[in-house]
């Protein structure tokens, strides 16, 4: 499209750090025995115990997914004779971050189960988080501010928007990881204080504006 008059092109950017909205962690139940059926039975029992705890956690758990089931033989170094069977099943749990105390308690209760490991949490924002929208709006405002500053430096003013294009990088979730191994049968679970890691939200736009005739000289 042909444009009459001078044009200014700018890049608008916005950077925010906001509290996380979701936390993910992984729960892995394991079993080992010389007998394959015994290994599978123990694994199923431990996975069921994990499920019971998650079922009783209430609305704190937003989603859970069983994503990794492994059963493998252990053989002697020489030959193919099986000396034991190993099994593991991992469940990824997504928690809505509203009560950090409840999250810490749930992770410790899971870690206190026999032959269960808990890893995480990984902090995230929801894909439809308002933080993304707010950052995009701020980037547009920054672009307009820059265009006006350039125009003012020339003794001109911004008159119209010609083009606006999204140029922002993808938001990357930040995480903090810890691992807990359960042995079962212990006393009261200790308290776990969690410090959520702020999430970085970035947005950028490319914009072109027409400006009035500059006053030069």
N, C-alpha and C. Protein backbone atom coordinates (compact mmCIF):
# COMPACT_ATOMS: atom_id res chain seq x y z
N UNK A 1 0.84 -1.19 0.00
CA UNK A 1 0.00 0.00 0.00
C UNK A 1 0.88 1.24 0.00
N UNK A 2 0.60 2.13 -0.93
CA UNK A 2 1.37 3.36 -1.03
C UNK A 2 1.01 4.29 0.11
N UNK A 3 2.02 4.92 0.67
CA UNK A 3 1.82 5.83 1.79
C UNK A 3 2.42 7.18 1.43
N UNK A 4 1.61 8.22 1.56
CA UNK A 4 2.10 9.58 1.32
C UNK A 4 2.64 10.17 2.62
N UNK A 5 3.79 10.78 2.54
CA UNK A 5 4.35 11.44 3.71
C UNK A 5 5.35 10.58 4.45
N UNK A 6 5.98 11.16 5.46
CA UNK A 6 7.02 10.45 6.20
C UNK A 6 6.45 9.34 7.07
N UNK A 7 7.27 8.32 7.30
CA UNK A 7 6.88 7.15 8.08
C UNK A 7 7.95 6.87 9.13
N UNK A 8 7.53 6.46 10.32
CA UNK A 8 8.45 6.03 11.36
C UNK A 8 8.13 4.57 11.70
N UNK A 9 9.18 3.77 11.79
CA UNK A 9 9.02 2.35 12.14
C UNK A 9 9.70 2.09 13.46
N UNK A 10 8.99 1.44 14.39
CA UNK A 10 9.53 1.20 15.74
C UNK A 10 9.24 -0.22 16.18
N UNK A 11 9.96 -0.61 17.22
CA UNK A 11 9.72 -1.90 17.88
C UNK A 11 9.28 -1.60 19.32
N UNK A 12 8.16 -2.15 19.70
CA UNK A 12 7.67 -1.99 21.07
C UNK A 12 7.89 -3.28 21.85
N UNK A 13 8.33 -3.15 23.09
CA UNK A 13 8.64 -4.32 23.90
C UNK A 13 8.04 -4.19 25.29
N UNK A 14 7.79 -5.33 25.91
CA UNK A 14 7.31 -5.36 27.30
C UNK A 14 7.90 -6.58 27.99
N UNK A 15 8.28 -6.41 29.24
CA UNK A 15 8.87 -7.48 30.04
C UNK A 15 8.22 -7.44 31.41
N UNK A 16 7.72 -8.57 31.86
CA UNK A 16 7.08 -8.65 33.16
C UNK A 16 7.53 -9.90 33.91
N UNK A 17 7.56 -9.80 35.23
CA UNK A 17 7.72 -10.97 36.08
C UNK A 17 6.46 -11.09 36.92
N UNK A 18 5.80 -12.24 36.81
CA UNK A 18 4.52 -12.43 37.48
C UNK A 18 4.54 -13.74 38.27
N UNK A 19 3.70 -13.85 39.30
CA UNK A 19 3.65 -15.10 40.07
C UNK A 19 3.15 -16.26 39.22
N UNK A 20 3.62 -17.48 39.48
CA UNK A 20 3.14 -18.64 38.72
C UNK A 20 1.69 -18.95 39.05
N UNK A 21 1.03 -19.60 38.12
CA UNK A 21 -0.37 -20.00 38.30
C UNK A 21 -0.53 -21.51 38.43
N UNK A 22 0.46 -22.25 37.90
CA UNK A 22 0.42 -23.71 37.94
C UNK A 22 1.75 -24.26 38.43
N UNK A 23 1.71 -25.43 39.05
CA UNK A 23 2.93 -26.15 39.43
C UNK A 23 2.78 -27.59 38.97
N UNK A 24 3.81 -28.12 38.35
CA UNK A 24 3.82 -29.52 37.92
C UNK A 24 4.89 -30.28 38.68
N UNK A 25 4.61 -31.52 39.01
CA UNK A 25 5.63 -32.39 39.56
C UNK A 25 5.37 -33.83 39.13
N UNK A 26 6.40 -34.65 39.19
CA UNK A 26 6.31 -36.04 38.74
C UNK A 26 6.40 -36.98 39.93
N UNK A 27 5.56 -38.00 39.92
CA UNK A 27 5.54 -39.02 40.98
C UNK A 27 5.85 -40.36 40.32
N UNK A 28 6.93 -41.01 40.77
CA UNK A 28 7.34 -42.28 40.18
C UNK A 28 7.32 -43.37 41.23
N UNK A 29 6.50 -44.40 41.00
CA UNK A 29 6.46 -45.59 41.86
C UNK A 29 7.31 -46.68 41.22
N UNK A 30 8.11 -47.37 42.02
CA UNK A 30 9.00 -48.41 41.50
C UNK A 30 8.82 -49.71 42.27
N UNK A 31 9.25 -50.80 41.65
CA UNK A 31 9.21 -52.11 42.29
C UNK A 31 10.31 -52.99 41.69
N UNK A 32 10.81 -53.92 42.51
CA UNK A 32 11.85 -54.85 42.05
C UNK A 32 11.68 -56.17 42.78
N UNK A 33 11.73 -57.26 42.01
CA UNK A 33 11.64 -58.59 42.61
C UNK A 33 12.20 -59.60 41.61
N UNK A 34 12.59 -60.76 42.13
CA UNK A 34 13.09 -61.81 41.23
C UNK A 34 11.99 -62.37 40.36
N UNK A 35 10.76 -62.30 40.86
CA UNK A 35 9.62 -62.82 40.12
C UNK A 35 8.90 -61.69 39.39
N UNK A 36 8.61 -61.92 38.12
CA UNK A 36 7.98 -60.87 37.33
C UNK A 36 6.59 -60.54 37.84
N UNK A 37 5.80 -61.55 38.13
CA UNK A 37 4.45 -61.29 38.60
C UNK A 37 4.46 -60.54 39.93
N UNK A 38 5.39 -60.88 40.79
CA UNK A 38 5.49 -60.17 42.07
C UNK A 38 5.86 -58.71 41.85
N UNK A 39 6.75 -58.46 40.89
CA UNK A 39 7.12 -57.08 40.58
C UNK A 39 5.92 -56.29 40.08
N UNK A 40 5.15 -56.89 39.17
CA UNK A 40 3.98 -56.20 38.63
C UNK A 40 2.93 -55.96 39.71
N UNK A 41 2.75 -56.93 40.60
CA UNK A 41 1.78 -56.77 41.68
C UNK A 41 2.16 -55.64 42.61
N UNK A 42 3.44 -55.60 43.01
CA UNK A 42 3.89 -54.52 43.90
C UNK A 42 3.79 -53.17 43.21
N UNK A 43 4.14 -53.15 41.94
CA UNK A 43 4.06 -51.88 41.20
C UNK A 43 2.62 -51.39 41.14
N UNK A 44 1.69 -52.28 40.85
CA UNK A 44 0.28 -51.91 40.79
C UNK A 44 -0.22 -51.41 42.14
N UNK A 45 0.20 -52.06 43.22
CA UNK A 45 -0.22 -51.64 44.56
C UNK A 45 0.31 -50.25 44.90
N UNK A 46 1.57 -49.99 44.56
CA UNK A 46 2.16 -48.69 44.88
C UNK A 46 1.57 -47.59 44.01
N UNK A 47 1.29 -47.90 42.75
CA UNK A 47 0.64 -46.92 41.88
C UNK A 47 -0.78 -46.62 42.37
N UNK A 48 -1.46 -47.65 42.89
CA UNK A 48 -2.81 -47.45 43.43
C UNK A 48 -2.77 -46.58 44.68
N UNK A 49 -1.74 -46.75 45.51
CA UNK A 49 -1.61 -45.93 46.71
C UNK A 49 -1.40 -44.46 46.34
N UNK A 50 -0.62 -44.23 45.29
CA UNK A 50 -0.42 -42.86 44.80
C UNK A 50 -1.74 -42.29 44.31
N UNK A 51 -2.52 -43.10 43.59
CA UNK A 51 -3.80 -42.64 43.07
C UNK A 51 -4.76 -42.28 44.20
N UNK A 52 -4.76 -43.06 45.25
CA UNK A 52 -5.64 -42.78 46.39
C UNK A 52 -5.30 -41.43 47.01
N UNK A 53 -4.00 -41.16 47.18
CA UNK A 53 -3.60 -39.88 47.74
C UNK A 53 -4.01 -38.71 46.84
N UNK A 54 -3.84 -38.88 45.54
CA UNK A 54 -4.23 -37.82 44.61
C UNK A 54 -5.75 -37.64 44.59
N UNK A 55 -6.50 -38.75 44.69
CA UNK A 55 -7.95 -38.65 44.72
C UNK A 55 -8.42 -37.87 45.94
N UNK A 56 -7.68 -38.00 47.05
CA UNK A 56 -8.08 -37.34 48.28
C UNK A 56 -7.53 -35.94 48.44
N UNK A 57 -6.87 -35.43 47.41
CA UNK A 57 -6.25 -34.10 47.51
C UNK A 57 -7.22 -32.97 47.25
N UNK A 58 -8.42 -33.29 46.78
CA UNK A 58 -9.41 -32.26 46.54
C UNK A 58 -9.13 -31.48 45.27
N UNK A 59 -9.65 -30.25 45.21
CA UNK A 59 -9.55 -29.46 43.97
C UNK A 59 -8.15 -28.91 43.70
N UNK A 60 -7.20 -29.16 44.61
CA UNK A 60 -5.85 -28.62 44.39
C UNK A 60 -5.22 -29.21 43.13
N UNK A 61 -5.55 -30.47 42.79
CA UNK A 61 -5.01 -31.12 41.60
C UNK A 61 -5.88 -30.78 40.40
N UNK A 62 -5.32 -30.04 39.45
CA UNK A 62 -6.06 -29.65 38.26
C UNK A 62 -6.06 -30.74 37.20
N UNK A 63 -4.96 -31.52 37.13
CA UNK A 63 -4.85 -32.54 36.09
C UNK A 63 -3.75 -33.52 36.48
N UNK A 64 -3.89 -34.76 36.06
CA UNK A 64 -2.83 -35.74 36.25
C UNK A 64 -2.81 -36.68 35.05
N UNK A 65 -1.61 -37.10 34.69
CA UNK A 65 -1.43 -37.94 33.50
C UNK A 65 -0.39 -39.01 33.79
N UNK A 66 -0.75 -40.25 33.49
CA UNK A 66 0.23 -41.35 33.59
C UNK A 66 0.92 -41.45 32.25
N UNK A 67 2.23 -41.18 32.24
CA UNK A 67 2.91 -41.06 30.96
C UNK A 67 4.08 -41.98 30.74
N UNK A 68 4.51 -42.75 31.73
CA UNK A 68 5.72 -43.54 31.54
C UNK A 68 5.63 -44.81 32.38
N UNK A 69 5.38 -45.94 31.72
CA UNK A 69 5.34 -47.24 32.38
C UNK A 69 6.48 -48.09 31.83
N UNK A 70 7.31 -48.60 32.72
CA UNK A 70 8.46 -49.41 32.29
C UNK A 70 8.55 -50.69 33.12
N UNK A 71 8.77 -51.79 32.41
CA UNK A 71 9.06 -53.08 33.05
C UNK A 71 10.21 -53.70 32.29
N UNK A 72 11.31 -53.98 32.98
CA UNK A 72 12.48 -54.51 32.28
C UNK A 72 13.15 -55.59 33.12
N UNK A 73 13.79 -56.54 32.45
CA UNK A 73 14.52 -57.59 33.17
C UNK A 73 15.95 -57.15 33.50
N UNK A 74 16.46 -57.67 34.59
CA UNK A 74 17.87 -57.49 34.95
C UNK A 74 18.57 -58.83 34.74
N UNK A 75 19.57 -58.84 33.89
CA UNK A 75 20.27 -60.08 33.57
C UNK A 75 21.70 -60.06 34.09
N UNK A 76 22.28 -61.25 34.17
CA UNK A 76 23.69 -61.34 34.55
C UNK A 76 24.56 -60.78 33.44
N UNK A 77 25.75 -60.38 33.80
CA UNK A 77 26.64 -59.80 32.80
C UNK A 77 26.95 -60.80 31.70
N UNK A 78 27.04 -62.03 32.03
CA UNK A 78 27.30 -63.07 31.02
C UNK A 78 26.03 -63.88 30.83
N UNK A 79 25.49 -63.83 29.65
CA UNK A 79 24.29 -64.59 29.37
C UNK A 79 23.03 -63.77 29.50
N UNK A 80 21.89 -64.45 29.31
CA UNK A 80 20.59 -63.79 29.33
C UNK A 80 19.73 -64.26 30.49
N UNK A 81 20.34 -64.85 31.47
CA UNK A 81 19.56 -65.32 32.62
C UNK A 81 19.02 -64.13 33.41
N UNK A 82 17.71 -64.09 33.61
CA UNK A 82 17.08 -62.99 34.33
C UNK A 82 17.21 -63.24 35.83
N UNK A 83 17.78 -62.26 36.52
CA UNK A 83 17.96 -62.37 37.98
C UNK A 83 16.95 -61.51 38.74
N UNK A 84 16.33 -60.55 38.08
CA UNK A 84 15.33 -59.71 38.74
C UNK A 84 14.55 -58.93 37.69
N UNK A 85 13.41 -58.41 38.12
CA UNK A 85 12.57 -57.58 37.26
C UNK A 85 12.40 -56.21 37.92
N UNK A 86 12.50 -55.17 37.09
CA UNK A 86 12.32 -53.79 37.56
C UNK A 86 11.09 -53.20 36.90
N UNK A 87 10.31 -52.50 37.68
CA UNK A 87 9.13 -51.82 37.13
C UNK A 87 9.00 -50.42 37.68
N UNK A 88 8.48 -49.51 36.87
CA UNK A 88 8.24 -48.15 37.33
C UNK A 88 7.08 -47.55 36.55
N UNK A 89 6.35 -46.66 37.19
CA UNK A 89 5.26 -45.94 36.54
C UNK A 89 5.29 -44.51 37.06
N UNK A 90 5.23 -43.54 36.12
CA UNK A 90 5.34 -42.13 36.46
C UNK A 90 4.04 -41.40 36.14
N UNK A 91 3.59 -40.61 37.08
CA UNK A 91 2.40 -39.78 36.91
C UNK A 91 2.82 -38.32 37.02
N UNK A 92 2.45 -37.52 36.04
CA UNK A 92 2.70 -36.08 36.08
C UNK A 92 1.46 -35.39 36.63
N UNK A 93 1.66 -34.59 37.67
CA UNK A 93 0.55 -33.94 38.36
C UNK A 93 0.64 -32.43 38.13
N UNK A 94 -0.46 -31.83 37.72
CA UNK A 94 -0.55 -30.38 37.55
C UNK A 94 -1.44 -29.82 38.65
N UNK A 95 -0.92 -28.84 39.38
CA UNK A 95 -1.61 -28.30 40.54
C UNK A 95 -1.86 -26.81 40.33
N UNK A 96 -3.06 -26.37 40.64
CA UNK A 96 -3.36 -24.94 40.62
C UNK A 96 -2.73 -24.29 41.84
N UNK A 97 -1.91 -23.28 41.62
CA UNK A 97 -1.16 -22.66 42.72
C UNK A 97 -2.05 -21.65 43.42
N UNK A 98 -2.69 -22.11 44.48
CA UNK A 98 -3.46 -21.21 45.33
C UNK A 98 -3.05 -21.34 46.79
N UNK A 99 -2.56 -22.51 47.16
CA UNK A 99 -2.17 -22.76 48.55
C UNK A 99 -0.85 -23.51 48.53
N UNK A 100 0.25 -22.80 48.80
CA UNK A 100 1.56 -23.43 48.75
C UNK A 100 1.75 -24.44 49.87
N UNK A 101 1.10 -24.23 51.00
CA UNK A 101 1.19 -25.18 52.10
C UNK A 101 0.58 -26.52 51.70
N UNK A 102 -0.60 -26.47 51.07
CA UNK A 102 -1.26 -27.70 50.64
C UNK A 102 -0.42 -28.42 49.59
N UNK A 103 0.21 -27.68 48.68
CA UNK A 103 1.07 -28.28 47.66
C UNK A 103 2.25 -29.00 48.30
N UNK A 104 2.92 -28.34 49.25
CA UNK A 104 4.06 -28.96 49.93
C UNK A 104 3.65 -30.18 50.70
N UNK A 105 2.51 -30.12 51.37
CA UNK A 105 2.04 -31.28 52.13
C UNK A 105 1.73 -32.45 51.22
N UNK A 106 1.10 -32.18 50.08
CA UNK A 106 0.77 -33.26 49.14
C UNK A 106 2.04 -33.92 48.62
N UNK A 107 3.04 -33.12 48.25
CA UNK A 107 4.28 -33.68 47.72
C UNK A 107 4.98 -34.54 48.77
N UNK A 108 4.97 -34.10 50.02
CA UNK A 108 5.62 -34.87 51.07
C UNK A 108 4.85 -36.15 51.40
N UNK A 109 3.53 -36.10 51.36
CA UNK A 109 2.75 -37.32 51.60
C UNK A 109 3.03 -38.36 50.52
N UNK A 110 3.14 -37.89 49.28
CA UNK A 110 3.46 -38.82 48.19
C UNK A 110 4.86 -39.39 48.35
N UNK A 111 5.82 -38.53 48.72
CA UNK A 111 7.21 -38.97 48.86
C UNK A 111 7.38 -39.93 50.04
N UNK A 112 6.43 -39.91 50.98
CA UNK A 112 6.52 -40.78 52.15
C UNK A 112 6.04 -42.19 51.86
N UNK A 113 5.52 -42.43 50.66
CA UNK A 113 5.07 -43.77 50.30
C UNK A 113 6.26 -44.67 49.99
N UNK A 114 6.05 -45.97 50.15
CA UNK A 114 7.11 -46.95 49.92
C UNK A 114 7.53 -46.97 48.45
N UNK A 115 8.83 -46.78 48.19
CA UNK A 115 9.42 -46.85 46.86
C UNK A 115 8.75 -45.87 45.88
N UNK A 116 8.59 -44.64 46.34
CA UNK A 116 8.01 -43.59 45.51
C UNK A 116 8.95 -42.40 45.51
N UNK A 117 9.22 -41.85 44.33
CA UNK A 117 10.05 -40.65 44.19
C UNK A 117 9.20 -39.52 43.64
N UNK A 118 9.41 -38.32 44.19
CA UNK A 118 8.71 -37.14 43.73
C UNK A 118 9.75 -36.13 43.24
N UNK A 119 9.56 -35.60 42.05
CA UNK A 119 10.48 -34.61 41.48
C UNK A 119 9.70 -33.38 41.05
N UNK A 120 10.23 -32.21 41.36
CA UNK A 120 9.58 -30.96 41.01
C UNK A 120 9.65 -30.00 42.19
N UNK A 121 8.85 -28.95 42.16
CA UNK A 121 7.87 -28.58 41.14
C UNK A 121 8.47 -27.74 40.02
N UNK A 122 7.75 -27.74 38.89
CA UNK A 122 8.05 -26.86 37.78
C UNK A 122 6.93 -25.83 37.73
N UNK A 123 7.27 -24.57 37.79
CA UNK A 123 6.27 -23.50 37.85
C UNK A 123 5.92 -23.02 36.45
N UNK A 124 4.64 -22.70 36.24
CA UNK A 124 4.19 -22.27 34.92
C UNK A 124 3.05 -21.26 35.03
N UNK A 125 2.74 -20.65 33.90
CA UNK A 125 1.52 -19.87 33.75
C UNK A 125 0.54 -20.66 32.89
N UNK A 126 -0.73 -20.37 33.05
CA UNK A 126 -1.72 -20.97 32.16
C UNK A 126 -1.52 -20.45 30.74
N UNK A 127 -1.77 -21.28 29.73
CA UNK A 127 -1.64 -20.79 28.35
C UNK A 127 -2.50 -19.56 28.07
N UNK A 128 -3.67 -19.47 28.72
CA UNK A 128 -4.56 -18.33 28.50
C UNK A 128 -4.45 -17.31 29.63
N UNK A 129 -3.32 -17.27 30.30
CA UNK A 129 -3.14 -16.35 31.41
C UNK A 129 -3.31 -14.90 30.97
N UNK A 130 -4.00 -14.08 31.76
CA UNK A 130 -4.12 -12.65 31.44
C UNK A 130 -2.77 -11.95 31.36
N UNK A 131 -1.74 -12.53 31.96
CA UNK A 131 -0.41 -11.91 31.94
C UNK A 131 0.11 -11.77 30.51
N UNK A 132 -0.18 -12.72 29.63
CA UNK A 132 0.25 -12.64 28.24
C UNK A 132 -0.44 -11.47 27.52
N UNK A 133 -1.74 -11.35 27.75
CA UNK A 133 -2.50 -10.27 27.12
C UNK A 133 -2.01 -8.91 27.61
N UNK A 134 -1.77 -8.81 28.91
CA UNK A 134 -1.30 -7.54 29.46
C UNK A 134 0.06 -7.16 28.89
N UNK A 135 0.92 -8.14 28.70
CA UNK A 135 2.24 -7.86 28.13
C UNK A 135 2.13 -7.39 26.69
N UNK A 136 1.24 -8.01 25.91
CA UNK A 136 1.06 -7.58 24.51
C UNK A 136 0.54 -6.15 24.45
N UNK A 137 -0.41 -5.83 25.33
CA UNK A 137 -0.93 -4.46 25.36
C UNK A 137 0.17 -3.48 25.72
N UNK A 138 1.01 -3.87 26.69
CA UNK A 138 2.11 -2.99 27.11
C UNK A 138 3.11 -2.79 25.97
N UNK A 139 3.34 -3.84 25.16
CA UNK A 139 4.27 -3.72 24.03
C UNK A 139 3.73 -2.75 22.98
N UNK A 140 2.42 -2.78 22.75
CA UNK A 140 1.82 -1.83 21.80
C UNK A 140 1.95 -0.41 22.35
N UNK A 141 1.70 -0.24 23.63
CA UNK A 141 1.86 1.07 24.23
C UNK A 141 3.28 1.59 24.13
N UNK A 142 4.25 0.68 24.29
CA UNK A 142 5.65 1.08 24.17
C UNK A 142 5.98 1.50 22.75
N UNK A 143 5.43 0.79 21.77
CA UNK A 143 5.66 1.15 20.36
C UNK A 143 5.11 2.53 20.06
N UNK A 144 3.91 2.80 20.55
CA UNK A 144 3.30 4.11 20.30
C UNK A 144 4.10 5.21 20.99
N UNK A 145 4.56 4.95 22.20
CA UNK A 145 5.36 5.94 22.92
C UNK A 145 6.65 6.25 22.17
N UNK A 146 7.31 5.22 21.67
CA UNK A 146 8.56 5.43 20.93
C UNK A 146 8.31 6.23 19.64
N UNK A 147 7.23 5.88 18.96
CA UNK A 147 6.91 6.61 17.72
C UNK A 147 6.67 8.09 18.02
N UNK A 148 5.95 8.38 19.07
CA UNK A 148 5.69 9.77 19.43
C UNK A 148 6.97 10.50 19.80
N UNK A 149 7.87 9.81 20.51
CA UNK A 149 9.13 10.45 20.90
C UNK A 149 9.97 10.79 19.67
N UNK A 150 10.02 9.86 18.71
CA UNK A 150 10.76 10.14 17.48
C UNK A 150 10.12 11.29 16.71
N UNK A 151 8.79 11.27 16.66
CA UNK A 151 8.10 12.34 15.93
C UNK A 151 8.34 13.68 16.61
N UNK A 152 8.26 13.72 17.93
CA UNK A 152 8.47 14.97 18.65
C UNK A 152 9.89 15.50 18.44
N UNK A 153 10.85 14.59 18.35
CA UNK A 153 12.24 15.01 18.13
C UNK A 153 12.40 15.70 16.77
N UNK A 154 11.47 15.39 15.86
CA UNK A 154 11.51 16.00 14.53
C UNK A 154 10.55 17.18 14.41
N UNK A 155 9.89 17.52 15.50
CA UNK A 155 8.91 18.59 15.44
C UNK A 155 7.64 18.16 14.75
N UNK A 156 7.35 16.86 14.78
CA UNK A 156 6.15 16.32 14.10
C UNK A 156 5.28 15.60 15.12
N UNK A 157 4.22 14.99 14.62
CA UNK A 157 3.33 14.21 15.48
C UNK A 157 2.87 12.96 14.73
N UNK A 158 2.54 11.93 15.49
CA UNK A 158 2.03 10.69 14.90
C UNK A 158 0.61 10.94 14.41
N UNK A 159 0.33 10.51 13.18
CA UNK A 159 -0.99 10.75 12.60
C UNK A 159 -1.81 9.48 12.37
N UNK A 160 -1.16 8.36 12.06
CA UNK A 160 -1.94 7.15 11.78
C UNK A 160 -1.05 5.91 11.89
N UNK A 161 -1.69 4.79 12.16
CA UNK A 161 -1.01 3.49 12.18
C UNK A 161 -1.12 2.85 10.80
N UNK A 162 0.01 2.42 10.28
CA UNK A 162 0.03 1.75 8.97
C UNK A 162 0.01 0.24 9.14
N UNK A 163 0.85 -0.24 10.02
CA UNK A 163 1.02 -1.69 10.14
C UNK A 163 1.43 -2.04 11.57
N UNK A 164 0.92 -3.16 12.06
CA UNK A 164 1.29 -3.67 13.38
C UNK A 164 1.48 -5.17 13.27
N UNK A 165 2.64 -5.67 13.70
CA UNK A 165 2.95 -7.10 13.59
C UNK A 165 3.54 -7.60 14.89
N UNK A 166 3.11 -8.80 15.28
CA UNK A 166 3.65 -9.43 16.49
C UNK A 166 5.07 -9.89 16.22
N UNK A 167 5.99 -9.55 17.10
CA UNK A 167 7.39 -9.95 16.94
C UNK A 167 7.96 -10.49 18.24
N UNK A 168 7.08 -10.93 19.14
CA UNK A 168 7.53 -11.33 20.47
C UNK A 168 8.06 -12.74 20.52
N UNK A 169 8.99 -13.00 21.42
CA UNK A 169 9.49 -14.36 21.64
C UNK A 169 8.48 -15.18 22.42
N UNK A 170 8.59 -16.49 22.28
CA UNK A 170 7.71 -17.37 23.05
C UNK A 170 8.07 -17.28 24.53
N UNK A 171 7.03 -17.30 25.36
CA UNK A 171 7.27 -17.27 26.80
C UNK A 171 7.82 -18.62 27.24
N UNK A 172 8.83 -18.58 28.07
CA UNK A 172 9.46 -19.81 28.52
C UNK A 172 9.17 -20.03 30.00
N UNK A 173 8.60 -21.20 30.37
CA UNK A 173 8.35 -21.45 31.78
C UNK A 173 9.65 -21.62 32.55
N UNK A 174 9.67 -21.11 33.76
CA UNK A 174 10.82 -21.28 34.63
C UNK A 174 10.49 -22.36 35.65
N UNK A 175 11.50 -22.99 36.17
CA UNK A 175 11.22 -24.08 37.09
C UNK A 175 12.28 -24.14 38.18
N UNK A 176 11.89 -24.79 39.26
CA UNK A 176 12.83 -25.13 40.32
C UNK A 176 12.59 -26.59 40.63
N UNK A 177 13.62 -27.36 40.79
CA UNK A 177 13.44 -28.79 40.95
C UNK A 177 14.00 -29.29 42.27
N UNK A 178 13.27 -30.20 42.85
CA UNK A 178 13.75 -30.91 44.03
C UNK A 178 13.32 -32.36 43.86
N UNK A 179 13.95 -33.26 44.55
CA UNK A 179 13.59 -34.68 44.46
C UNK A 179 13.45 -35.24 45.86
N UNK A 180 12.44 -36.09 46.03
CA UNK A 180 12.18 -36.70 47.32
C UNK A 180 11.97 -38.18 47.11
N UNK A 181 12.63 -38.99 47.88
CA UNK A 181 12.46 -40.43 47.80
C UNK A 181 11.78 -40.95 49.04
N UNK A 182 10.71 -41.70 48.85
CA UNK A 182 9.96 -42.21 50.00
C UNK A 182 10.40 -43.61 50.37
N UNK A 183 10.43 -43.88 51.66
CA UNK A 183 10.74 -45.21 52.16
C UNK A 183 9.54 -45.82 52.85
N UNK A 184 8.56 -44.99 53.22
CA UNK A 184 7.34 -45.50 53.84
C UNK A 184 7.55 -45.82 55.29
N UNK A 185 6.44 -45.84 56.03
CA UNK A 185 6.48 -46.28 57.41
C UNK A 185 7.12 -45.29 58.36
N UNK A 186 7.37 -44.05 57.94
CA UNK A 186 8.03 -43.08 58.79
C UNK A 186 7.05 -42.42 59.73
N UNK A 187 7.54 -41.49 60.54
CA UNK A 187 6.70 -40.75 61.46
C UNK A 187 5.98 -39.65 60.74
N UNK A 188 5.66 -38.57 61.48
CA UNK A 188 4.96 -37.46 60.88
C UNK A 188 5.80 -36.80 59.81
N UNK A 189 5.14 -36.40 58.73
CA UNK A 189 5.87 -35.80 57.62
C UNK A 189 6.37 -34.41 58.01
N UNK A 190 7.60 -34.05 57.65
CA UNK A 190 8.11 -32.71 57.94
C UNK A 190 7.41 -31.67 57.08
N UNK A 191 7.54 -30.43 57.46
CA UNK A 191 6.95 -29.35 56.68
C UNK A 191 7.90 -28.97 55.54
N UNK A 192 7.32 -28.61 54.42
CA UNK A 192 8.10 -28.20 53.25
C UNK A 192 7.63 -26.83 52.81
N UNK A 193 8.52 -25.84 52.90
CA UNK A 193 8.20 -24.50 52.45
C UNK A 193 8.65 -24.33 51.00
N UNK A 194 7.74 -23.89 50.16
CA UNK A 194 8.02 -23.72 48.74
C UNK A 194 8.10 -22.23 48.40
N UNK A 195 9.11 -21.86 47.66
CA UNK A 195 9.27 -20.49 47.19
C UNK A 195 9.04 -20.48 45.68
N UNK A 196 7.86 -20.07 45.23
CA UNK A 196 7.55 -20.09 43.80
C UNK A 196 8.45 -19.15 43.02
N UNK A 197 8.87 -19.60 41.86
CA UNK A 197 9.76 -18.80 41.03
C UNK A 197 8.95 -17.92 40.09
N UNK A 198 9.19 -16.61 40.09
CA UNK A 198 8.43 -15.72 39.20
C UNK A 198 8.60 -16.14 37.74
N UNK A 199 7.53 -15.95 36.98
CA UNK A 199 7.54 -16.32 35.57
C UNK A 199 7.78 -15.08 34.70
N UNK A 200 8.64 -15.25 33.72
CA UNK A 200 8.95 -14.15 32.81
C UNK A 200 7.97 -14.15 31.64
N UNK A 201 7.36 -13.01 31.40
CA UNK A 201 6.44 -12.84 30.27
C UNK A 201 6.99 -11.71 29.41
N UNK A 202 7.18 -11.99 28.12
CA UNK A 202 7.72 -11.00 27.20
C UNK A 202 6.82 -10.88 25.98
N UNK A 203 6.78 -9.69 25.43
CA UNK A 203 6.04 -9.46 24.20
C UNK A 203 6.75 -8.37 23.41
N UNK A 204 6.65 -8.44 22.09
CA UNK A 204 7.27 -7.42 21.24
C UNK A 204 6.45 -7.28 19.96
N UNK A 205 6.38 -6.06 19.45
CA UNK A 205 5.65 -5.79 18.21
C UNK A 205 6.50 -4.89 17.32
N UNK A 206 6.29 -5.00 16.01
CA UNK A 206 6.83 -4.07 15.04
C UNK A 206 5.68 -3.21 14.53
N UNK A 207 5.88 -1.90 14.54
CA UNK A 207 4.81 -1.00 14.14
C UNK A 207 5.34 0.09 13.21
N UNK A 208 4.49 0.48 12.25
CA UNK A 208 4.80 1.59 11.34
C UNK A 208 3.71 2.64 11.45
N UNK A 209 4.13 3.87 11.60
CA UNK A 209 3.19 4.98 11.74
C UNK A 209 3.51 6.05 10.71
N UNK A 210 2.49 6.74 10.26
CA UNK A 210 2.73 7.97 9.50
C UNK A 210 2.84 9.13 10.48
N UNK A 211 3.66 10.11 10.12
CA UNK A 211 3.81 11.29 10.96
C UNK A 211 3.62 12.54 10.08
N UNK A 212 3.32 13.64 10.73
CA UNK A 212 3.19 14.90 9.99
C UNK A 212 4.55 15.33 9.49
N UNK A 213 4.57 16.30 8.63
CA UNK A 213 5.84 16.77 8.07
C UNK A 213 6.75 17.30 9.17
N UNK A 214 7.99 16.82 9.20
CA UNK A 214 8.92 17.29 10.24
C UNK A 214 9.25 18.77 10.08
N UNK A 215 9.59 19.38 11.19
CA UNK A 215 10.07 20.74 11.21
C UNK A 215 11.58 20.65 11.38
N UNK A 216 12.32 20.84 10.30
CA UNK A 216 13.76 20.69 10.34
C UNK A 216 14.43 22.05 10.31
N UNK A 217 15.61 22.11 10.93
CA UNK A 217 16.39 23.34 10.91
C UNK A 217 16.04 24.26 12.06
